[in-house]
C-alpha atoms as a PDB file:
ATOM      1  CA  MET A   1      -1.722 -16.328 -37.932  1.00  0.00           C
ATOM      2  CA  ILE A   2      -2.504 -12.709 -38.577  1.00  0.00           C
ATOM      3  CA  ARG A   3      -4.655 -10.989 -36.012  1.00  0.00           C
ATOM      4  CA  THR A   4      -6.318  -7.635 -36.506  1.00  0.00           C
ATOM      5  CA  MET A   5      -7.981  -6.596 -33.264  1.00  0.00           C
ATOM      6  CA  LEU A   6     -10.768  -4.067 -33.660  1.00  0.00           C
ATOM      7  CA  ALA A   7     -12.250  -1.706 -31.122  1.00  0.00           C
ATOM      8  CA  GLY A   8     -14.585   1.189 -31.761  1.00  0.00           C
ATOM      9  CA  LEU A   9     -16.550   4.089 -30.396  1.00  0.00           C
ATOM     10  CA  VAL A  10     -20.030   4.342 -31.924  1.00  0.00           C
ATOM     11  CA  ALA A  11     -23.337   6.101 -31.312  1.00  0.00           C
ATOM     12  CA  MET A  12     -27.049   5.844 -32.213  1.00  0.00           C
ATOM     13  CA  ALA A  13     -29.273   2.767 -32.444  1.00  0.00           C
ATOM     14  CA  ALA A  14     -31.363   1.500 -35.370  1.00  0.00           C
ATOM     15  CA  PRO A  15     -31.315  -1.330 -37.915  1.00  0.00           C
ATOM     16  CA  PRO A  16     -28.649  -1.020 -40.646  1.00  0.00           C
ATOM     17  CA  ALA A  17     -29.605   1.571 -43.267  1.00  0.00           C
ATOM     18  CA  TRP A  18     -29.079  -0.834 -46.161  1.00  0.00           C
ATOM     19  CA  SER A  19     -31.770  -3.161 -44.828  1.00  0.00           C
ATOM     20  CA  GLN A  20     -34.375  -0.381 -44.697  1.00  0.00           C
ATOM     21  CA  SER A  21     -34.426   0.616 -48.360  1.00  0.00           C
ATOM     22  CA  ALA A  22     -35.586  -1.157 -51.518  1.00  0.00           C
ATOM     23  CA  THR A  23     -33.197   1.038 -53.546  1.00  0.00           C
ATOM     24  CA  PRO A  24     -30.038  -0.812 -54.606  1.00  0.00           C
ATOM     25  CA  PRO A  25     -27.083   0.443 -52.562  1.00  0.00           C
ATOM     26  CA  ALA A  26     -24.740   2.923 -54.224  1.00  0.00           C
ATOM     27  CA  PHE A  27     -21.682   1.161 -52.849  1.00  0.00           C
ATOM     28  CA  GLY A  28     -20.667  -2.103 -51.210  1.00  0.00           C
ATOM     29  CA  PRO A  29     -20.695  -5.624 -52.660  1.00  0.00           C
ATOM     30  CA  ASP A  30     -24.482  -5.639 -53.137  1.00  0.00           C
ATOM     31  CA  ALA A  31     -24.398  -2.674 -55.504  1.00  0.00           C
ATOM     32  CA  PRO A  32     -25.179  -3.930 -59.052  1.00  0.00           C
ATOM     33  CA  TRP A  33     -22.222  -2.020 -60.496  1.00  0.00           C
ATOM     34  CA  ALA A  34     -19.901  -3.677 -57.973  1.00  0.00           C
ATOM     35  CA  GLN A  35     -20.958  -7.155 -59.097  1.00  0.00           C
ATOM     36  CA  ALA A  36     -20.455  -6.138 -62.738  1.00  0.00           C
ATOM     37  CA  TYR A  37     -17.043  -4.661 -61.948  1.00  0.00           C
ATOM     38  CA  ALA A  38     -16.023  -7.826 -60.105  1.00  0.00           C
ATOM     39  CA  ARG A  39     -17.009 -10.017 -63.065  1.00  0.00           C
ATOM     40  CA  CYS A  40     -15.115  -7.764 -65.482  1.00  0.00           C
ATOM     41  CA  ALA A  41     -12.038  -7.634 -63.220  1.00  0.00           C
ATOM     42  CA  ASN A  42     -12.084 -11.424 -62.801  1.00  0.00           C
ATOM     43  CA  ASP A  43     -12.057 -11.774 -66.581  1.00  0.00           C
ATOM     44  CA  ALA A  44      -9.194  -9.289 -66.877  1.00  0.00           C
ATOM     45  CA  PHE A  45      -7.156 -11.142 -64.227  1.00  0.00           C
ATOM     46  CA  GLU A  46      -7.697 -14.478 -65.943  1.00  0.00           C
ATOM     47  CA  ARG A  47      -6.672 -13.090 -69.325  1.00  0.00           C
ATOM     48  CA  GLY A  48      -3.600 -11.597 -67.678  1.00  0.00           C
ATOM     49  CA  VAL A  49      -2.674 -14.940 -66.136  1.00  0.00           C
ATOM     50  CA  ASP A  50      -3.149 -16.741 -69.460  1.00  0.00           C
ATOM     51  CA  ALA A  51      -0.939 -14.212 -71.237  1.00  0.00           C
ATOM     52  CA  ALA A  52       1.768 -14.007 -68.556  1.00  0.00           C
ATOM     53  CA  ARG A  53       5.250 -15.369 -69.183  1.00  0.00           C
ATOM     54  CA  GLU A  54       8.065 -16.067 -66.781  1.00  0.00           C
ATOM     55  CA  PRO A  55       9.275 -14.512 -64.642  1.00  0.00           C
ATOM     56  CA  THR A  56       5.982 -14.655 -62.794  1.00  0.00           C
ATOM     57  CA  PRO A  57       4.613 -11.138 -62.220  1.00  0.00           C
ATOM     58  CA  TRP A  58       3.585 -10.107 -58.727  1.00  0.00           C
ATOM     59  CA  PRO A  59      -0.236 -10.336 -58.855  1.00  0.00           C
ATOM     60  CA  VAL A  60      -0.787  -6.785 -57.625  1.00  0.00           C
ATOM     61  CA  GLN A  61       0.682  -5.634 -60.957  1.00  0.00           C
ATOM     62  CA  MET A  62      -2.530  -6.896 -62.554  1.00  0.00           C
ATOM     63  CA  VAL A  63      -4.730  -4.523 -60.567  1.00  0.00           C
ATOM     64  CA  PRO A  64      -4.034  -1.597 -62.957  1.00  0.00           C
ATOM     65  CA  LEU A  65      -4.996  -3.945 -65.814  1.00  0.00           C
ATOM     66  CA  SER A  66      -8.421  -4.580 -64.294  1.00  0.00           C
ATOM     67  CA  GLU A  67      -8.813  -0.856 -63.568  1.00  0.00           C
ATOM     68  CA  ARG A  68      -8.114   0.082 -67.183  1.00  0.00           C
ATOM     69  CA  GLU A  69     -10.290  -2.598 -68.745  1.00  0.00           C
ATOM     70  CA  CYS A  70     -13.216  -2.240 -66.358  1.00  0.00           C
ATOM     71  CA  ALA A  71     -13.319   1.505 -65.695  1.00  0.00           C
ATOM     72  CA  GLY A  72     -16.655   1.760 -67.507  1.00  0.00           C
ATOM     73  CA  GLU A  73     -18.335  -0.373 -64.826  1.00  0.00           C
ATOM     74  CA  VAL A  74     -17.458   2.028 -61.981  1.00  0.00           C
ATOM     75  CA  PRO A  75     -19.760   4.994 -61.205  1.00  0.00           C
ATOM     76  CA  ALA A  76     -18.337   8.371 -62.116  1.00  0.00           C
ATOM     77  CA  ALA A  77     -19.070   9.664 -58.608  1.00  0.00           C
ATOM     78  CA  ASP A  78     -15.793   9.764 -56.707  1.00  0.00           C
ATOM     79  CA  SER A  79     -17.235   8.883 -53.320  1.00  0.00           C
ATOM     80  CA  LEU A  80     -15.518   7.205 -50.401  1.00  0.00           C
ATOM     81  CA  GLY A  81     -17.971   4.291 -50.631  1.00  0.00           C
ATOM     82  CA  VAL A  82     -17.223   3.722 -54.330  1.00  0.00           C
ATOM     83  CA  ARG A  83     -13.456   3.823 -53.742  1.00  0.00           C
ATOM     84  CA  ALA A  84     -13.766   1.411 -50.815  1.00  0.00           C
ATOM     85  CA  THR A  85     -15.859  -0.998 -52.919  1.00  0.00           C
ATOM     86  CA  VAL A  86     -13.272  -0.986 -55.717  1.00  0.00           C
ATOM     87  CA  ALA A  87     -10.581  -1.704 -53.100  1.00  0.00           C
ATOM     88  CA  LEU A  88     -12.696  -4.610 -51.816  1.00  0.00           C
ATOM     89  CA  VAL A  89     -12.899  -6.081 -55.329  1.00  0.00           C
ATOM     90  CA  HIS A  90      -9.130  -5.826 -55.734  1.00  0.00           C
ATOM     91  CA  ALA A  91      -8.468  -7.433 -52.349  1.00  0.00           C
ATOM     92  CA  GLN A  92     -10.713 -10.384 -53.144  1.00  0.00           C
ATOM     93  CA  LEU A  93      -9.142 -10.794 -56.585  1.00  0.00           C
ATOM     94  CA  LEU A  94      -5.673 -10.968 -55.066  1.00  0.00           C
ATOM     95  CA  HIS A  95      -6.881 -13.657 -52.657  1.00  0.00           C
ATOM     96  CA  ARG A  96      -7.555 -15.872 -55.686  1.00  0.00           C
ATOM     97  CA  PHE A  97      -3.838 -16.360 -56.179  1.00  0.00           C
ATOM     98  CA  GLY A  98      -2.346 -19.499 -54.716  1.00  0.00           C
ATOM     99  CA  PRO A  99       0.170 -19.856 -51.883  1.00  0.00           C
ATOM    100  CA  GLY A 100       3.337 -17.923 -52.555  1.00  0.00           C
ATOM    101  CA  ARG A 101       1.382 -15.587 -54.840  1.00  0.00           C
ATOM    102  CA  SER A 102       1.855 -17.928 -57.777  1.00  0.00           C
ATOM    103  CA  LEU A 103      -0.098 -17.577 -61.011  1.00  0.00           C
ATOM    104  CA  ALA A 104      -2.308 -20.515 -60.045  1.00  0.00           C
ATOM    105  CA  LEU A 105      -5.717 -18.894 -59.639  1.00  0.00           C
ATOM    106  CA  ALA A 106      -8.241 -20.317 -57.222  1.00  0.00           C
ATOM    107  CA  PRO A 107     -11.857 -20.707 -58.440  1.00  0.00           C
ATOM    108  CA  ARG A 108     -13.973 -17.581 -58.600  1.00  0.00           C
ATOM    109  CA  LEU A 109     -16.006 -16.620 -55.584  1.00  0.00           C
ATOM    110  CA  PRO A 110     -18.986 -14.242 -55.574  1.00  0.00           C
ATOM    111  CA  LEU A 111     -18.108 -10.738 -54.461  1.00  0.00           C
ATOM    112  CA  ARG A 112     -19.118 -10.432 -50.847  1.00  0.00           C
ATOM    113  CA  LEU A 113     -18.414  -8.254 -47.851  1.00  0.00           C
ATOM    114  CA  PRO A 114     -15.950  -9.819 -45.395  1.00  0.00           C
ATOM    115  CA  GLU A 115     -17.462 -11.068 -42.163  1.00  0.00           C
ATOM    116  CA  LEU A 116     -19.077  -8.211 -40.255  1.00  0.00           C
ATOM    117  CA  PHE A 117     -18.365  -7.761 -36.563  1.00  0.00           C
ATOM    118  CA  PRO A 118     -20.977  -6.019 -34.369  1.00  0.00           C
ATOM    119  CA  MET A 119     -19.763  -2.732 -32.950  1.00  0.00           C
ATOM    120  CA  GLY A 120     -22.884  -1.931 -30.913  1.00  0.00           C
ATOM    121  CA  ASP A 121     -25.898   0.304 -31.602  1.00  0.00           C
ATOM    122  CA  GLY A 122     -26.658  -1.277 -34.963  1.00  0.00           C
ATOM    123  CA  VAL A 123     -23.168  -0.732 -36.446  1.00  0.00           C
ATOM    124  CA  ALA A 124     -21.262  -3.644 -37.989  1.00  0.00           C
ATOM    125  CA  CYS A 125     -17.865  -3.382 -39.679  1.00  0.00           C
ATOM    126  CA  PRO A 126     -15.789  -5.758 -41.820  1.00  0.00           C
ATOM    127  CA  HIS A 127     -12.454  -7.118 -40.707  1.00  0.00           C
ATOM    128  CA  PRO A 128      -9.712  -5.387 -42.757  1.00  0.00           C
ATOM    129  CA  ASP A 129      -7.158  -7.360 -44.761  1.00  0.00           C
ATOM    130  CA  TYR A 130      -3.515  -6.967 -43.787  1.00  0.00           C
ATOM    131  CA  PRO A 131      -1.783  -5.198 -46.728  1.00  0.00           C
ATOM    132  CA  GLY A 132       0.819  -7.502 -48.236  1.00  0.00           C
ATOM    133  CA  ALA A 133       3.650  -4.955 -48.217  1.00  0.00           C
ATOM    134  CA  ALA A 134       2.964  -4.077 -44.571  1.00  0.00           C
ATOM    135  CA  LEU A 135       2.918  -7.764 -43.660  1.00  0.00           C
ATOM    136  CA  ARG A 136       6.229  -8.425 -45.399  1.00  0.00           C
ATOM    137  CA  ALA A 137       7.733  -5.432 -43.583  1.00  0.00           C
ATOM    138  CA  GLN A 138       6.331  -6.725 -40.253  1.00  0.00           C
ATOM    139  CA  ALA A 139       4.615  -3.372 -39.716  1.00  0.00           C
ATOM    140  CA  GLU A 140       2.296  -3.260 -36.697  1.00  0.00           C
ATOM    141  CA  GLY A 141       0.415  -0.494 -34.927  1.00  0.00           C
ATOM    142  CA  ILE A 142      -2.992   1.061 -34.270  1.00  0.00           C
ATOM    143  CA  SER A 143      -4.894   2.964 -36.969  1.00  0.00           C
ATOM    144  CA  THR A 144      -7.583   5.193 -35.488  1.00  0.00           C
ATOM    145  CA  VAL A 145     -10.035   6.530 -38.072  1.00  0.00           C
ATOM    146  CA  GLU A 146     -13.066   8.815 -37.820  1.00  0.00           C
ATOM    147  CA  ILE A 147     -15.734   8.500 -40.493  1.00  0.00           C
ATOM    148  CA  THR A 148     -19.025  10.290 -41.137  1.00  0.00           C
ATOM    149  CA  PHE A 149     -22.037   8.872 -43.007  1.00  0.00           C
ATOM    150  CA  ASP A 150     -24.895  10.875 -44.509  1.00  0.00           C
ATOM    151  CA  PRO A 151     -28.589  10.076 -43.810  1.00  0.00           C
ATOM    152  CA  GLN A 152     -28.618   7.641 -46.755  1.00  0.00           C
ATOM    153  CA  GLY A 153     -25.783   5.600 -45.253  1.00  0.00           C
ATOM    154  CA  GLN A 154     -23.116   6.871 -47.661  1.00  0.00           C
ATOM    155  CA  PRO A 155     -19.681   7.480 -46.162  1.00  0.00           C
ATOM    156  CA  VAL A 156     -18.922  11.118 -46.920  1.00  0.00           C
ATOM    157  CA  GLU A 157     -15.804  11.970 -44.956  1.00  0.00           C
ATOM    158  CA  SER A 158     -12.972  10.196 -43.205  1.00  0.00           C
ATOM    159  CA  ARG A 159      -9.786  11.168 -41.454  1.00  0.00           C
ATOM    160  CA  VAL A 160      -6.975   9.332 -39.723  1.00  0.00           C
ATOM    161  CA  VAL A 161      -7.139  10.521 -36.136  1.00  0.00           C
ATOM    162  CA  SER A 162      -4.001   8.643 -35.151  1.00  0.00           C
ATOM    163  CA  ALA A 163      -1.636   6.943 -37.611  1.00  0.00           C
ATOM    164  CA  SER A 164      -0.351   3.426 -37.020  1.00  0.00           C
ATOM    165  CA  GLY A 165       3.257   4.505 -37.531  1.00  0.00           C
ATOM    166  CA  PRO A 166       5.688   6.638 -39.549  1.00  0.00           C
ATOM    167  CA  THR A 167       6.577   4.433 -42.527  1.00  0.00           C
ATOM    168  CA  ARG A 168       5.058   3.869 -45.971  1.00  0.00           C
ATOM    169  CA  GLU A 169       3.903   0.447 -44.795  1.00  0.00           C
ATOM    170  CA  HIS A 170       2.121   2.030 -41.847  1.00  0.00           C
ATOM    171  CA  ARG A 171       0.346   4.376 -44.245  1.00  0.00           C
ATOM    172  CA  LEU A 172      -0.875   1.265 -46.080  1.00  0.00           C
ATOM    173  CA  LEU A 173      -2.329   0.019 -42.788  1.00  0.00           C
ATOM    174  CA  ASP A 174      -4.091   3.346 -42.248  1.00  0.00           C
ATOM    175  CA  ARG A 175      -5.530   3.321 -45.786  1.00  0.00           C
ATOM    176  CA  ALA A 176      -6.746  -0.264 -45.370  1.00  0.00           C
ATOM    177  CA  ALA A 177      -8.494   0.770 -42.152  1.00  0.00           C
ATOM    178  CA  VAL A 178     -10.250   3.668 -43.912  1.00  0.00           C
ATOM    179  CA  GLU A 179     -11.344   1.450 -46.831  1.00  0.00           C
ATOM    180  CA  SER A 180     -12.701  -1.230 -44.506  1.00  0.00           C
ATOM    181  CA  LEU A 181     -14.502   1.268 -42.272  1.00  0.00           C
ATOM    182  CA  ALA A 182     -16.205   2.872 -45.282  1.00  0.00           C
ATOM    183  CA  LEU A 183     -17.989  -0.453 -45.835  1.00  0.00           C
ATOM    184  CA  CYS A 184     -19.509  -0.589 -42.356  1.00  0.00           C
ATOM    185  CA  GLN A 185     -23.261  -1.070 -42.098  1.00  0.00           C
ATOM    186  CA  VAL A 186     -24.630   1.830 -40.095  1.00  0.00           C
ATOM    187  CA  PRO A 187     -27.974   2.957 -38.653  1.00  0.00           C
ATOM    188  CA  ALA A 188     -30.201   5.288 -40.648  1.00  0.00           C
ATOM    189  CA  GLY A 189     -29.466   8.971 -40.235  1.00  0.00           C
ATOM    190  CA  LYS A 190     -26.213  10.851 -40.090  1.00  0.00           C
ATOM    191  CA  LEU A 191     -23.649   9.056 -37.973  1.00  0.00           C
ATOM    192  CA  SER A 192     -20.077   9.828 -37.064  1.00  0.00           C
ATOM    193  CA  PHE A 193     -17.930   7.406 -35.149  1.00  0.00           C
ATOM    194  CA  VAL A 194     -14.342   6.380 -34.465  1.00  0.00           C
ATOM    195  CA  VAL A 195     -12.822   2.941 -34.841  1.00  0.00           C
ATOM    196  CA  SER A 196      -9.322   1.771 -33.955  1.00  0.00           C
ATOM    197  CA  TYR A 197      -7.772  -1.146 -35.801  1.00  0.00           C
ATOM    198  CA  HIS A 198      -5.018  -2.908 -33.879  1.00  0.00           C
ATOM    199  CA  TRP A 199      -2.673  -4.456 -36.446  1.00  0.00           C
ATOM    200  CA  ARG A 200      -0.725  -7.393 -34.989  1.00  0.00           C
ATOM    201  CA  ILE A 201       1.047 -10.230 -36.804  1.00  0.00           C
ATOM    202  CA  ALA A 202       0.382 -12.886 -34.183  1.00  0.00           C
ATOM    203  CA  GLY A 203      -2.427 -14.627 -32.342  1.00  0.00           C
ATOM    204  CA  ASP A 204      -5.918 -15.601 -33.370  1.00  0.00           C
ATOM    205  CA  SER A 205      -8.325 -13.751 -31.103  1.00  0.00           C
ATOM    206  CA  LYS A 206     -11.484 -12.085 -32.433  1.00  0.00           C
ATOM    207  CA  PRO A 207     -11.866  -8.293 -32.607  1.00  0.00           C
ATOM    208  CA  ALA A 208     -13.257  -6.673 -29.495  1.00  0.00           C
ATOM    209  CA  SER A 209     -16.721  -5.151 -29.531  1.00  0.00           C
ATOM    210  CA  GLY A 210     -17.224  -1.392 -29.552  1.00  0.00           C
ATOM    211  CA  ALA A 211     -17.395   0.798 -26.480  1.00  0.00           C
ATOM    212  CA  GLN A 212     -19.987   3.550 -26.227  1.00  0.00           C
ATOM    213  CA  HIS A 213     -19.366   7.310 -26.445  1.00  0.00           C
END
């Protein structure tokens, strides 16, 4: 079983910013545009499966199809939160494929944020998915990422403080860590914190909670 251990350094205490505002979020699975994009992308995937012929295409090849057909659903703003939400949609679409990545699609599921793990001081972050190419290459390591949110809870900047390794597959791990971290629920007000994702292809333990600055 895949294990992705998570440890973080966080600061500030308050309820999550998303819970404090009646304004629909600009990113994340609860954003109205994200739900519309997920419905459109689901339709595109299903049409692609219906039209596919042998040999069976690798499902990730259908991601550009959904991006082309559903681009009008995505906000024009090129923000980290928007990019992370699109990545979340794609990850959940790919999970609809059956064992062995066959063209047998599982039933649709509502777009939702993966399970959030408390990091302390009102911060909760989703568990990242192991990128398929990195898993096949047996790539492991620790991705340490710093991210900054603005007072409205939008992720505005991120950087990889320490890469998980030197290969292309390790870069996929680092990118997956950034995309997952951008979907954290954070306290109101500007917040910058660091999280380390420990990528390991063994075990079943839960991520560790965050340590304080």
